[in-house]
Amino acid sequence: MAITMQDKRLDYRIRLNLPISYRVRGEGGFERIHTNDISAGGLSFVAHKFIAPATCMNMEIAVYDKVVAPIGSIAWSEPLAHSNRYRVGIKFIEFNPRDKEYLSDYIRILSDRLL
């Protein structure tokens, strides 16, 4: 029996388009993009270049009226068909507990509105 990616997730994930900035640790400036989905444990987005799994990145995520700044690690990266872009999954590895709780509450409130 195959285990799907959804089955492996520990946190509730919601499709949400949030502005984020990220940079690979030790490299230059920040890239600005939007999330595809997000949870208190990670997020996904479309990158314009390949980023290898296990790569660490600094992130800034605009959540309502606050910017949270977790450190993430690339969990997976897959090419998009007929494109030079990649869908990337990030696992948060360092996250201020208050900021993580703020993000979790925001996701919960939005998901309650969608039900």
PDB file of N, CA and C in Angstrom:
ATOM      1  N   MET A   1       0.846  -1.177   0.000  1.00  0.00           N
ATOM      2  CA  MET A   1       0.000   0.000   0.000  1.00  0.00           C
ATOM      3  C   MET A   1       0.892   1.242   0.000  1.00  0.00           C
ATOM      4  N   ALA A   2       0.675   2.135  -0.940  1.00  0.00           N
ATOM      5  CA  ALA A   2       1.478   3.344  -1.059  1.00  0.00           C
ATOM      6  C   ALA A   2       1.008   4.396  -0.059  1.00  0.00           C
ATOM      7  N   ILE A   3       1.963   5.097   0.513  1.00  0.00           N
ATOM      8  CA  ILE A   3       1.657   6.200   1.424  1.00  0.00           C
ATOM      9  C   ILE A   3       1.785   7.492   0.636  1.00  0.00           C
ATOM     10  N   THR A   4       0.738   8.282   0.635  1.00  0.00           N
ATOM     11  CA  THR A   4       0.779   9.552  -0.087  1.00  0.00           C
ATOM     12  C   THR A   4       1.419  10.622   0.785  1.00  0.00           C
ATOM     13  N   MET A   5       1.834  11.720   0.148  1.00  0.00           N
ATOM     14  CA  MET A   5       2.449  12.823   0.882  1.00  0.00           C
ATOM     15  C   MET A   5       1.489  13.344   1.946  1.00  0.00           C
ATOM     16  N   GLN A   6       0.207  13.419   1.619  1.00  0.00           N
ATOM     17  CA  GLN A   6      -0.783  13.920   2.559  1.00  0.00           C
ATOM     18  C   GLN A   6      -0.786  13.082   3.835  1.00  0.00           C
ATOM     19  N   ASP A   7      -0.590  11.759   3.704  1.00  0.00           N
ATOM     20  CA  ASP A   7      -0.597  10.878   4.858  1.00  0.00           C
ATOM     21  C   ASP A   7       0.573  11.133   5.805  1.00  0.00           C
ATOM     22  N   LYS A   8       1.665  11.698   5.317  1.00  0.00           N
ATOM     23  CA  LYS A   8       2.856  11.920   6.125  1.00  0.00           C
ATOM     24  C   LYS A   8       2.801  13.226   6.914  1.00  0.00           C
ATOM     25  N   ARG A   9       1.897  14.108   6.580  1.00  0.00           N
ATOM     26  CA  ARG A   9       1.876  15.430   7.205  1.00  0.00           C
ATOM     27  C   ARG A   9       1.386  15.371   8.645  1.00  0.00           C
ATOM     28  N   LEU A  10       2.053  16.127   9.492  1.00  0.00           N
ATOM     29  CA  LEU A  10       1.698  16.155  10.906  1.00  0.00           C
ATOM     30  C   LEU A  10       0.763  17.314  11.235  1.00  0.00           C
ATOM     31  N   ASP A  11       0.805  18.384  10.440  1.00  0.00           N
ATOM     32  CA  ASP A  11       0.024  19.590  10.703  1.00  0.00           C
ATOM     33  C   ASP A  11      -1.020  19.790   9.614  1.00  0.00           C
ATOM     34  N   TYR A  12      -2.137  20.395   9.987  1.00  0.00           N
ATOM     35  CA  TYR A  12      -3.183  20.710   9.029  1.00  0.00           C
ATOM     36  C   TYR A  12      -2.661  21.736   8.029  1.00  0.00           C
ATOM     37  N   ARG A  13      -2.836  21.473   6.756  1.00  0.00           N
ATOM     38  CA  ARG A  13      -2.331  22.337   5.690  1.00  0.00           C
ATOM     39  C   ARG A  13      -3.515  22.962   4.960  1.00  0.00           C
ATOM     40  N   ILE A  14      -3.381  24.232   4.606  1.00  0.00           N
ATOM     41  CA  ILE A  14      -4.432  24.962   3.909  1.00  0.00           C
ATOM     42  C   ILE A  14      -3.854  25.598   2.642  1.00  0.00           C
ATOM     43  N   ARG A  15      -4.614  25.552   1.563  1.00  0.00           N
ATOM     44  CA  ARG A  15      -4.192  26.238   0.337  1.00  0.00           C
ATOM     45  C   ARG A  15      -4.329  27.735   0.597  1.00  0.00           C
ATOM     46  N   LEU A  16      -3.218  28.437   0.505  1.00  0.00           N
ATOM     47  CA  LEU A  16      -3.215  29.849   0.839  1.00  0.00           C
ATOM     48  C   LEU A  16      -2.080  30.548   0.108  1.00  0.00           C
ATOM     49  N   ASN A  17      -2.375  31.668  -0.474  1.00  0.00           N
ATOM     50  CA  ASN A  17      -1.418  32.447  -1.244  1.00  0.00           C
ATOM     51  C   ASN A  17      -0.911  33.590  -0.365  1.00  0.00           C
ATOM     52  N   LEU A  18       0.183  33.342   0.355  1.00  0.00           N
ATOM     53  CA  LEU A  18       0.782  34.362   1.227  1.00  0.00           C
ATOM     54  C   LEU A  18       2.107  34.823   0.630  1.00  0.00           C
ATOM     55  N   PRO A  19       2.396  36.125   0.708  1.00  0.00           N
ATOM     56  CA  PRO A  19       3.704  36.588   0.234  1.00  0.00           C
ATOM     57  C   PRO A  19       4.807  36.138   1.181  1.00  0.00           C
ATOM     58  N   ILE A  20       5.883  35.614   0.597  1.00  0.00           N
ATOM     59  CA  ILE A  20       7.045  35.222   1.387  1.00  0.00           C
ATOM     60  C   ILE A  20       8.308  35.693   0.689  1.00  0.00           C
ATOM     61  N   SER A  21       9.343  35.829   1.471  1.00  0.00           N
ATOM     62  CA  SER A  21      10.691  36.078   0.964  1.00  0.00           C
ATOM     63  C   SER A  21      11.559  34.957   1.509  1.00  0.00           C
ATOM     64  N   TYR A  22      12.467  34.468   0.678  1.00  0.00           N
ATOM     65  CA  TYR A  22      13.369  33.423   1.141  1.00  0.00           C
ATOM     66  C   TYR A  22      14.739  33.611   0.521  1.00  0.00           C
ATOM     67  N   ARG A  23      15.734  33.078   1.210  1.00  0.00           N
ATOM     68  CA  ARG A  23      17.074  33.009   0.633  1.00  0.00           C
ATOM     69  C   ARG A  23      17.753  31.775   1.190  1.00  0.00           C
ATOM     70  N   VAL A  24      18.504  31.138   0.311  1.00  0.00           N
ATOM     71  CA  VAL A  24      19.297  29.995   0.731  1.00  0.00           C
ATOM     72  C   VAL A  24      20.357  30.526   1.680  1.00  0.00           C
ATOM     73  N   ARG A  25      20.507  29.876   2.827  1.00  0.00           N
ATOM     74  CA  ARG A  25      21.471  30.350   3.825  1.00  0.00           C
ATOM     75  C   ARG A  25      22.864  30.397   3.228  1.00  0.00           C
ATOM     76  N   GLY A  26      23.535  31.516   3.437  1.00  0.00           N
ATOM     77  CA  GLY A  26      24.888  31.705   2.935  1.00  0.00           C
ATOM     78  C   GLY A  26      24.941  32.319   1.543  1.00  0.00           C
ATOM     79  N   GLU A  27      23.761  32.534   0.921  1.00  0.00           N
ATOM     80  CA  GLU A  27      23.739  33.151  -0.410  1.00  0.00           C
ATOM     81  C   GLU A  27      23.252  34.585  -0.305  1.00  0.00           C
ATOM     82  N   GLY A  28      23.141  35.239  -1.434  1.00  0.00           N
ATOM     83  CA  GLY A  28      22.800  36.654  -1.541  1.00  0.00           C
ATOM     84  C   GLY A  28      21.410  37.029  -1.085  1.00  0.00           C
ATOM     85  N   GLY A  29      20.765  37.884  -1.882  1.00  0.00           N
ATOM     86  CA  GLY A  29      19.501  38.494  -1.505  1.00  0.00           C
ATOM     87  C   GLY A  29      18.313  37.550  -1.486  1.00  0.00           C
ATOM     88  N   PHE A  30      17.209  38.096  -1.027  1.00  0.00           N
ATOM     89  CA  PHE A  30      15.969  37.354  -0.891  1.00  0.00           C
ATOM     90  C   PHE A  30      15.209  37.298  -2.213  1.00  0.00           C
ATOM     91  N   GLU A  31      14.558  36.162  -2.464  1.00  0.00           N
ATOM     92  CA  GLU A  31      13.607  35.985  -3.561  1.00  0.00           C
ATOM     93  C   GLU A  31      12.229  36.238  -2.979  1.00  0.00           C
ATOM     94  N   ARG A  32      11.363  36.883  -3.745  1.00  0.00           N
ATOM     95  CA  ARG A  32      10.002  37.139  -3.288  1.00  0.00           C
ATOM     96  C   ARG A  32       9.029  36.328  -4.149  1.00  0.00           C
ATOM     97  N   ILE A  33       8.186  35.548  -3.460  1.00  0.00           N
ATOM     98  CA  ILE A  33       7.223  34.689  -4.128  1.00  0.00           C
ATOM     99  C   ILE A  33       5.969  34.585  -3.266  1.00  0.00           C
ATOM    100  N   HIS A  34       5.078  33.646  -3.608  1.00  0.00           N
ATOM    101  CA  HIS A  34       3.869  33.386  -2.820  1.00  0.00           C
ATOM    102  C   HIS A  34       3.761  31.888  -2.541  1.00  0.00           C
ATOM    103  N   THR A  35       3.154  31.563  -1.421  1.00  0.00           N
ATOM    104  CA  THR A  35       2.952  30.165  -1.059  1.00  0.00           C
ATOM    105  C   THR A  35       1.852  29.541  -1.910  1.00  0.00           C
ATOM    106  N   ASN A  36       1.924  28.214  -2.066  1.00  0.00           N
ATOM    107  CA  ASN A  36       0.803  27.443  -2.627  1.00  0.00           C
ATOM    108  C   ASN A  36      -0.088  26.965  -1.496  1.00  0.00           C
ATOM    109  N   ASP A  37       0.550  26.493  -0.434  1.00  0.00           N
ATOM    110  CA  ASP A  37      -0.153  26.046   0.761  1.00  0.00           C
ATOM    111  C   ASP A  37       0.790  26.189   1.942  1.00  0.00           C
ATOM    112  N   ILE A  38       0.194  26.108   3.148  1.00  0.00           N
ATOM    113  CA  ILE A  38       1.001  26.338   4.342  1.00  0.00           C
ATOM    114  C   ILE A  38       0.378  25.617   5.534  1.00  0.00           C
ATOM    115  N   SER A  39       1.225  25.235   6.478  1.00  0.00           N
ATOM    116  CA  SER A  39       0.801  24.685   7.762  1.00  0.00           C
ATOM    117  C   SER A  39       1.748  25.243   8.815  1.00  0.00           C
ATOM    118  N   ALA A  40       1.516  24.895  10.064  1.00  0.00           N
ATOM    119  CA  ALA A  40       2.427  25.334  11.123  1.00  0.00           C
ATOM    120  C   ALA A  40       3.767  24.609  11.039  1.00  0.00           C
ATOM    121  N   GLY A  41       3.834  23.556  10.223  1.00  0.00           N
ATOM    122  CA  GLY A  41       5.068  22.782  10.104  1.00  0.00           C
ATOM    123  C   GLY A  41       5.831  22.989   8.814  1.00  0.00           C
ATOM    124  N   GLY A  42       5.235  23.691   7.838  1.00  0.00           N
ATOM    125  CA  GLY A  42       5.920  23.908   6.573  1.00  0.00           C
ATOM    126  C   GLY A  42       5.019  24.537   5.538  1.00  0.00           C
ATOM    127  N   LEU A  43       5.541  24.633   4.314  1.00  0.00           N
ATOM    128  CA  LEU A  43       4.796  25.257   3.223  1.00  0.00           C
ATOM    129  C   LEU A  43       5.319  24.742   1.892  1.00  0.00           C
ATOM    130  N   SER A  44       4.623  25.108   0.830  1.00  0.00           N
ATOM    131  CA  SER A  44       5.138  24.819  -0.508  1.00  0.00           C
ATOM    132  C   SER A  44       4.998  26.068  -1.360  1.00  0.00           C
ATOM    133  N   PHE A  45       5.849  26.141  -2.387  1.00  0.00           N
ATOM    134  CA  PHE A  45       5.809  27.236  -3.338  1.00  0.00           C
ATOM    135  C   PHE A  45       6.447  26.781  -4.639  1.00  0.00           C
ATOM    136  N   VAL A  46       6.354  27.613  -5.669  1.00  0.00           N
ATOM    137  CA  VAL A  46       6.987  27.326  -6.948  1.00  0.00           C
ATOM    138  C   VAL A  46       8.245  28.186  -7.048  1.00  0.00           C
ATOM    139  N   ALA A  47       9.386  27.524  -7.253  1.00  0.00           N
ATOM    140  CA  ALA A  47      10.681  28.206  -7.372  1.00  0.00           C
ATOM    141  C   ALA A  47      11.078  28.297  -8.842  1.00  0.00           C
ATOM    142  N   HIS A  48      11.850  29.301  -9.156  1.00  0.00           N
ATOM    143  CA  HIS A  48      12.318  29.514 -10.527  1.00  0.00           C
ATOM    144  C   HIS A  48      13.582  28.725 -10.838  1.00  0.00           C
ATOM    145  N   LYS A  49      14.120  28.039  -9.825  1.00  0.00           N
ATOM    146  CA  LYS A  49      15.309  27.225 -10.040  1.00  0.00           C
ATOM    147  C   LYS A  49      15.260  26.035  -9.094  1.00  0.00           C
ATOM    148  N   PHE A  50      16.051  25.007  -9.398  1.00  0.00           N
ATOM    149  CA  PHE A  50      16.116  23.832  -8.542  1.00  0.00           C
ATOM    150  C   PHE A  50      16.832  24.177  -7.243  1.00  0.00           C
ATOM    151  N   ILE A  51      16.262  23.721  -6.134  1.00  0.00           N
ATOM    152  CA  ILE A  51      16.891  23.851  -4.822  1.00  0.00           C
ATOM    153  C   ILE A  51      16.935  22.438  -4.241  1.00  0.00           C
ATOM    154  N   ALA A  52      18.109  21.957  -3.946  1.00  0.00           N
ATOM    155  CA  ALA A  52      18.295  20.570  -3.510  1.00  0.00           C
ATOM    156  C   ALA A  52      17.655  20.297  -2.153  1.00  0.00           C
ATOM    157  N   PRO A  53      17.093  19.098  -1.968  1.00  0.00           N
ATOM    158  CA  PRO A  53      16.580  18.710  -0.655  1.00  0.00           C
ATOM    159  C   PRO A  53      17.665  18.850   0.417  1.00  0.00           C
ATOM    160  N   ALA A  54      17.234  19.176   1.623  1.00  0.00           N
ATOM    161  CA  ALA A  54      18.069  19.397   2.803  1.00  0.00           C
ATOM    162  C   ALA A  54      18.744  20.762   2.809  1.00  0.00           C
ATOM    163  N   THR A  55      18.525  21.585   1.781  1.00  0.00           N
ATOM    164  CA  THR A  55      19.063  22.944   1.762  1.00  0.00           C
ATOM    165  C   THR A  55      18.330  23.780   2.809  1.00  0.00           C
ATOM    166  N   CYS A  56      19.064  24.524   3.630  1.00  0.00           N
ATOM    167  CA  CYS A  56      18.466  25.391   4.649  1.00  0.00           C
ATOM    168  C   CYS A  56      18.213  26.774   4.073  1.00  0.00           C
ATOM    169  N   MET A  57      17.113  27.374   4.492  1.00  0.00           N
ATOM    170  CA  MET A  57      16.770  28.706   4.019  1.00  0.00           C
ATOM    171  C   MET A  57      16.172  29.573   5.119  1.00  0.00           C
ATOM    172  N   ASN A  58      16.496  30.858   5.029  1.00  0.00           N
ATOM    173  CA  ASN A  58      15.876  31.860   5.877  1.00  0.00           C
ATOM    174  C   ASN A  58      14.605  32.310   5.173  1.00  0.00           C
ATOM    175  N   MET A  59      13.534  32.500   5.946  1.00  0.00           N
ATOM    176  CA  MET A  59      12.249  32.871   5.360  1.00  0.00           C
ATOM    177  C   MET A  59      11.616  34.008   6.138  1.00  0.00           C
ATOM    178  N   GLU A  60      10.840  34.793   5.429  1.00  0.00           N
ATOM    179  CA  GLU A  60       9.982  35.809   6.036  1.00  0.00           C
ATOM    180  C   GLU A  60       8.611  35.633   5.410  1.00  0.00           C
ATOM    181  N   ILE A  61       7.604  35.396   6.252  1.00  0.00           N
ATOM    182  CA  ILE A  61       6.255  35.115   5.786  1.00  0.00           C
ATOM    183  C   ILE A  61       5.317  36.176   6.334  1.00  0.00           C
ATOM    184  N   ALA A  62       4.612  36.864   5.453  1.00  0.00           N
ATOM    185  CA  ALA A  62       3.644  37.883   5.860  1.00  0.00           C
ATOM    186  C   ALA A  62       2.336  37.192   6.228  1.00  0.00           C
ATOM    187  N   VAL A  63       2.039  37.168   7.526  1.00  0.00           N
ATOM    188  CA  VAL A  63       0.831  36.530   8.034  1.00  0.00           C
ATOM    189  C   VAL A  63      -0.043  37.602   8.661  1.00  0.00           C
ATOM    190  N   TYR A  64      -1.089  37.981   7.956  1.00  0.00           N
ATOM    191  CA  TYR A  64      -2.025  39.018   8.383  1.00  0.00           C
ATOM    192  C   TYR A  64      -1.280  40.319   8.701  1.00  0.00           C
ATOM    193  N   ASP A  65      -1.100  40.660   9.979  1.00  0.00           N
ATOM    194  CA  ASP A  65      -0.463  41.929  10.337  1.00  0.00           C
ATOM    195  C   ASP A  65       0.922  41.737  10.943  1.00  0.00           C
ATOM    196  N   LYS A  66       1.523  40.571  10.683  1.00  0.00           N
ATOM    197  CA  LYS A  66       2.810  40.242  11.287  1.00  0.00           C
ATOM    198  C   LYS A  66       3.681  39.500  10.279  1.00  0.00           C
ATOM    199  N   VAL A  67       4.979  39.670  10.395  1.00  0.00           N
ATOM    200  CA  VAL A  67       5.923  38.889   9.593  1.00  0.00           C
ATOM    201  C   VAL A  67       6.609  37.905  10.523  1.00  0.00           C
ATOM    202  N   VAL A  68       6.515  36.611  10.180  1.00  0.00           N
ATOM    203  CA  VAL A  68       7.189  35.578  10.952  1.00  0.00           C
ATOM    204  C   VAL A  68       8.406  35.120  10.163  1.00  0.00           C
ATOM    205  N   ALA A  69       9.442  34.662  10.856  1.00  0.00           N
ATOM    206  CA  ALA A  69      10.721  34.375  10.193  1.00  0.00           C
ATOM    207  C   ALA A  69      11.288  33.012  10.602  1.00  0.00           C
ATOM    208  N   PRO A  70      10.664  31.923  10.135  1.00  0.00           N
ATOM    209  CA  PRO A  70      11.228  30.607  10.441  1.00  0.00           C
ATOM    210  C   PRO A  70      12.443  30.292   9.576  1.00  0.00           C
ATOM    211  N   ILE A  71      13.188  29.297   9.989  1.00  0.00           N
ATOM    212  CA  ILE A  71      14.237  28.720   9.156  1.00  0.00           C
ATOM    213  C   ILE A  71      13.678  27.396   8.661  1.00  0.00           C
ATOM    214  N   GLY A  72      13.800  27.172   7.371  1.00  0.00           N
ATOM    215  CA  GLY A  72      13.245  25.962   6.778  1.00  0.00           C
ATOM    216  C   GLY A  72      14.303  25.124   6.100  1.00  0.00           C
ATOM    217  N   SER A  73      13.928  23.889   5.809  1.00  0.00           N
ATOM    218  CA  SER A  73      14.777  22.966   5.078  1.00  0.00           C
ATOM    219  C   SER A  73      13.949  22.386   3.937  1.00  0.00           C
ATOM    220  N   ILE A  74      14.541  22.282   2.758  1.00  0.00           N
ATOM    221  CA  ILE A  74      13.835  21.717   1.617  1.00  0.00           C
ATOM    222  C   ILE A  74      13.562  20.240   1.907  1.00  0.00           C
ATOM    223  N   ALA A  75      12.290  19.865   1.936  1.00  0.00           N
ATOM    224  CA  ALA A  75      11.903  18.473   2.155  1.00  0.00           C
ATOM    225  C   ALA A  75      11.835  17.720   0.828  1.00  0.00           C
ATOM    226  N   TRP A  76      11.377  18.417  -0.226  1.00  0.00           N
ATOM    227  CA  TRP A  76      11.289  17.816  -1.554  1.00  0.00           C
ATOM    228  C   TRP A  76      11.256  18.918  -2.604  1.00  0.00           C
ATOM    229  N   SER A  77      11.638  18.560  -3.810  1.00  0.00           N
ATOM    230  CA  SER A  77      11.627  19.487  -4.937  1.00  0.00           C
ATOM    231  C   SER A  77      11.320  18.677  -6.190  1.00  0.00           C
ATOM    232  N   GLU A  78      10.274  19.073  -6.922  1.00  0.00           N
ATOM    233  CA  GLU A  78       9.896  18.323  -8.120  1.00  0.00           C
ATOM    234  C   GLU A  78       9.679  19.274  -9.285  1.00  0.00           C
ATOM    235  N   PRO A  79      10.140  18.905 -10.471  1.00  0.00           N
ATOM    236  CA  PRO A  79       9.960  19.768 -11.635  1.00  0.00           C
ATOM    237  C   PRO A  79       8.490  19.848 -12.031  1.00  0.00           C
ATOM    238  N   LEU A  80       8.080  21.021 -12.486  1.00  0.00           N
ATOM    239  CA  LEU A  80       6.736  21.187 -13.023  1.00  0.00           C
ATOM    240  C   LEU A  80       6.770  20.816 -14.503  1.00  0.00           C
ATOM    241  N   ALA A  81       5.790  20.098 -14.949  1.00  0.00           N
ATOM    242  CA  ALA A  81       5.738  19.668 -16.349  1.00  0.00           C
ATOM    243  C   ALA A  81       5.729  20.866 -17.286  1.00  0.00           C
ATOM    244  N   HIS A  82       6.468  20.755 -18.360  1.00  0.00           N
ATOM    245  CA  HIS A  82       6.507  21.769 -19.416  1.00  0.00           C
ATOM    246  C   HIS A  82       6.920  23.139 -18.887  1.00  0.00           C
ATOM    247  N   SER A  83       7.864  23.154 -17.958  1.00  0.00           N
ATOM    248  CA  SER A  83       8.276  24.395 -17.312  1.00  0.00           C
ATOM    249  C   SER A  83       9.725  24.258 -16.844  1.00  0.00           C
ATOM    250  N   ASN A  84      10.361  25.389 -16.591  1.00  0.00           N
ATOM    251  CA  ASN A  84      11.693  25.406 -15.987  1.00  0.00           C
ATOM    252  C   ASN A  84      11.607  25.690 -14.498  1.00  0.00           C
ATOM    253  N   ARG A  85      10.429  25.514 -13.926  1.00  0.00           N
ATOM    254  CA  ARG A  85      10.228  25.796 -12.510  1.00  0.00           C
ATOM    255  C   ARG A  85      10.033  24.506 -11.721  1.00  0.00           C
ATOM    256  N   TYR A  86      10.114  24.651 -10.387  1.00  0.00           N
ATOM    257  CA  TYR A  86      10.036  23.502  -9.483  1.00  0.00           C
ATOM    258  C   TYR A  86       9.054  23.788  -8.363  1.00  0.00           C
ATOM    259  N   ARG A  87       8.241  22.812  -8.022  1.00  0.00           N
ATOM    260  CA  ARG A  87       7.406  22.905  -6.831  1.00  0.00           C
ATOM    261  C   ARG A  87       8.254  22.391  -5.685  1.00  0.00           C
ATOM    262  N   VAL A  88       8.319  23.166  -4.612  1.00  0.00           N
ATOM    263  CA  VAL A  88       9.231  22.906  -3.502  1.00  0.00           C
ATOM    264  C   VAL A  88       8.439  22.806  -2.203  1.00  0.00           C
ATOM    265  N   GLY A  89       8.787  21.825  -1.384  1.00  0.00           N
ATOM    266  CA  GLY A  89       8.191  21.683  -0.063  1.00  0.00           C
ATOM    267  C   GLY A  89       9.215  22.008   1.010  1.00  0.00           C
ATOM    268  N   ILE A  90       8.815  22.828   1.941  1.00  0.00           N
ATOM    269  CA  ILE A  90       9.691  23.281   3.030  1.00  0.00           C
ATOM    270  C   ILE A  90       9.174  22.739   4.354  1.00  0.00           C
ATOM    271  N   LYS A  91      10.091  22.242   5.165  1.00  0.00           N
ATOM    272  CA  LYS A  91       9.777  21.864   6.547  1.00  0.00           C
ATOM    273  C   LYS A  91      10.436  22.899   7.442  1.00  0.00           C
ATOM    274  N   PHE A  92       9.666  23.501   8.349  1.00  0.00           N
ATOM    275  CA  PHE A  92      10.239  24.452   9.287  1.00  0.00           C
ATOM    276  C   PHE A  92      11.087  23.696  10.298  1.00  0.00           C
ATOM    277  N   ILE A  93      12.342  24.126  10.471  1.00  0.00           N
ATOM    278  CA  ILE A  93      13.225  23.449  11.426  1.00  0.00           C
ATOM    279  C   ILE A  93      13.548  24.313  12.634  1.00  0.00           C
ATOM    280  N   GLU A  94      13.401  25.627  12.493  1.00  0.00           N
ATOM    281  CA  GLU A  94      13.542  26.555  13.623  1.00  0.00           C
ATOM    282  C   GLU A  94      12.441  27.587  13.488  1.00  0.00           C
ATOM    283  N   PHE A  95      11.683  27.784  14.568  1.00  0.00           N
ATOM    284  CA  PHE A  95      10.540  28.694  14.502  1.00  0.00           C
ATOM    285  C   PHE A  95      10.278  29.192  15.916  1.00  0.00           C
ATOM    286  N   ASN A  96      10.284  30.505  16.099  1.00  0.00           N
ATOM    287  CA  ASN A  96       9.936  31.084  17.390  1.00  0.00           C
ATOM    288  C   ASN A  96       8.575  30.515  17.808  1.00  0.00           C
ATOM    289  N   PRO A  97       8.468  29.927  19.001  1.00  0.00           N
ATOM    290  CA  PRO A  97       7.203  29.297  19.404  1.00  0.00           C
ATOM    291  C   PRO A  97       5.994  30.224  19.344  1.00  0.00           C
ATOM    292  N   ARG A  98       6.152  31.484  19.691  1.00  0.00           N
ATOM    293  CA  ARG A  98       5.018  32.428  19.625  1.00  0.00           C
ATOM    294  C   ARG A  98       4.603  32.673  18.181  1.00  0.00           C
ATOM    295  N   ASP A  99       5.590  32.794  17.304  1.00  0.00           N
ATOM    296  CA  ASP A  99       5.275  33.008  15.886  1.00  0.00           C
ATOM    297  C   ASP A  99       4.614  31.779  15.279  1.00  0.00           C
ATOM    298  N   LYS A 100       5.074  30.601  15.673  1.00  0.00           N
ATOM    299  CA  LYS A 100       4.475  29.367  15.177  1.00  0.00           C
ATOM    300  C   LYS A 100       3.025  29.254  15.649  1.00  0.00           C
ATOM    301  N   GLU A 101       2.782  29.616  16.901  1.00  0.00           N
ATOM    302  CA  GLU A 101       1.421  29.595  17.427  1.00  0.00           C
ATOM    303  C   GLU A 101       0.541  30.614  16.702  1.00  0.00           C
ATOM    304  N   TYR A 102       1.095  31.795  16.402  1.00  0.00           N
ATOM    305  CA  TYR A 102       0.366  32.825  15.664  1.00  0.00           C
ATOM    306  C   TYR A 102      -0.045  32.286  14.295  1.00  0.00           C
ATOM    307  N   LEU A 103       0.899  31.655  13.586  1.00  0.00           N
ATOM    308  CA  LEU A 103       0.603  31.078  12.273  1.00  0.00           C
ATOM    309  C   LEU A 103      -0.437  29.975  12.401  1.00  0.00           C
ATOM    310  N   SER A 104      -0.299  29.106  13.366  1.00  0.00           N
ATOM    311  CA  SER A 104      -1.252  28.018  13.575  1.00  0.00           C
ATOM    312  C   SER A 104      -2.656  28.550  13.847  1.00  0.00           C
ATOM    313  N   ASP A 105      -2.769  29.574  14.685  1.00  0.00           N
ATOM    314  CA  ASP A 105      -4.072  30.190  14.971  1.00  0.00           C
ATOM    315  C   ASP A 105      -4.668  30.813  13.710  1.00  0.00           C
ATOM    316  N   TYR A 106      -3.846  31.481  12.924  1.00  0.00           N
ATOM    317  CA  TYR A 106      -4.301  32.107  11.677  1.00  0.00           C
ATOM    318  C   TYR A 106      -4.854  31.043  10.722  1.00  0.00           C
ATOM    319  N   ILE A 107      -4.140  29.937  10.569  1.00  0.00           N
ATOM    320  CA  ILE A 107      -4.583  28.849   9.695  1.00  0.00           C
ATOM    321  C   ILE A 107      -5.892  28.255  10.208  1.00  0.00           C
ATOM    322  N   ARG A 108      -5.981  28.055  11.519  1.00  0.00           N
ATOM    323  CA  ARG A 108      -7.204  27.497  12.106  1.00  0.00           C
ATOM    324  C   ARG A 108      -8.400  28.411  11.865  1.00  0.00           C
ATOM    325  N   ILE A 109      -8.227  29.709  12.069  1.00  0.00           N
ATOM    326  CA  ILE A 109      -9.318  30.668  11.861  1.00  0.00           C
ATOM    327  C   ILE A 109      -9.766  30.650  10.401  1.00  0.00           C
ATOM    328  N   LEU A 110      -8.806  30.656   9.473  1.00  0.00           N
ATOM    329  CA  LEU A 110      -9.169  30.614   8.061  1.00  0.00           C
ATOM    330  C   LEU A 110      -9.862  29.317   7.685  1.00  0.00           C
ATOM    331  N   SER A 111      -9.378  28.203   8.202  1.00  0.00           N
ATOM    332  CA  SER A 111      -9.986  26.918   7.863  1.00  0.00           C
ATOM    333  C   SER A 111     -11.399  26.820   8.437  1.00  0.00           C
ATOM    334  N   ASP A 112     -11.651  27.395   9.616  1.00  0.00           N
ATOM    335  CA  ASP A 112     -13.006  27.399  10.183  1.00  0.00           C
ATOM    336  C   ASP A 112     -13.962  28.198   9.299  1.00  0.00           C
ATOM    337  N   ARG A 113     -13.469  29.273   8.700  1.00  0.00           N
ATOM    338  CA  ARG A 113     -14.295  30.088   7.805  1.00  0.00           C
ATOM    339  C   ARG A 113     -14.640  29.358   6.515  1.00  0.00           C
ATOM    340  N   LEU A 114     -13.747  28.461   6.093  1.00  0.00           N
ATOM    341  CA  LEU A 114     -13.967  27.732   4.839  1.00  0.00           C
ATOM    342  C   LEU A 114     -14.945  26.576   4.994  1.00  0.00           C
ATOM    343  N   LEU A 115     -15.173  26.140   6.232  1.00  0.00           N
ATOM    344  CA  LEU A 115     -16.076  24.996   6.467  1.00  0.00           C
ATOM    345  C   LEU A 115     -17.520  25.382   6.445  1.00  0.00           C
TER     346      LEU A 115
END
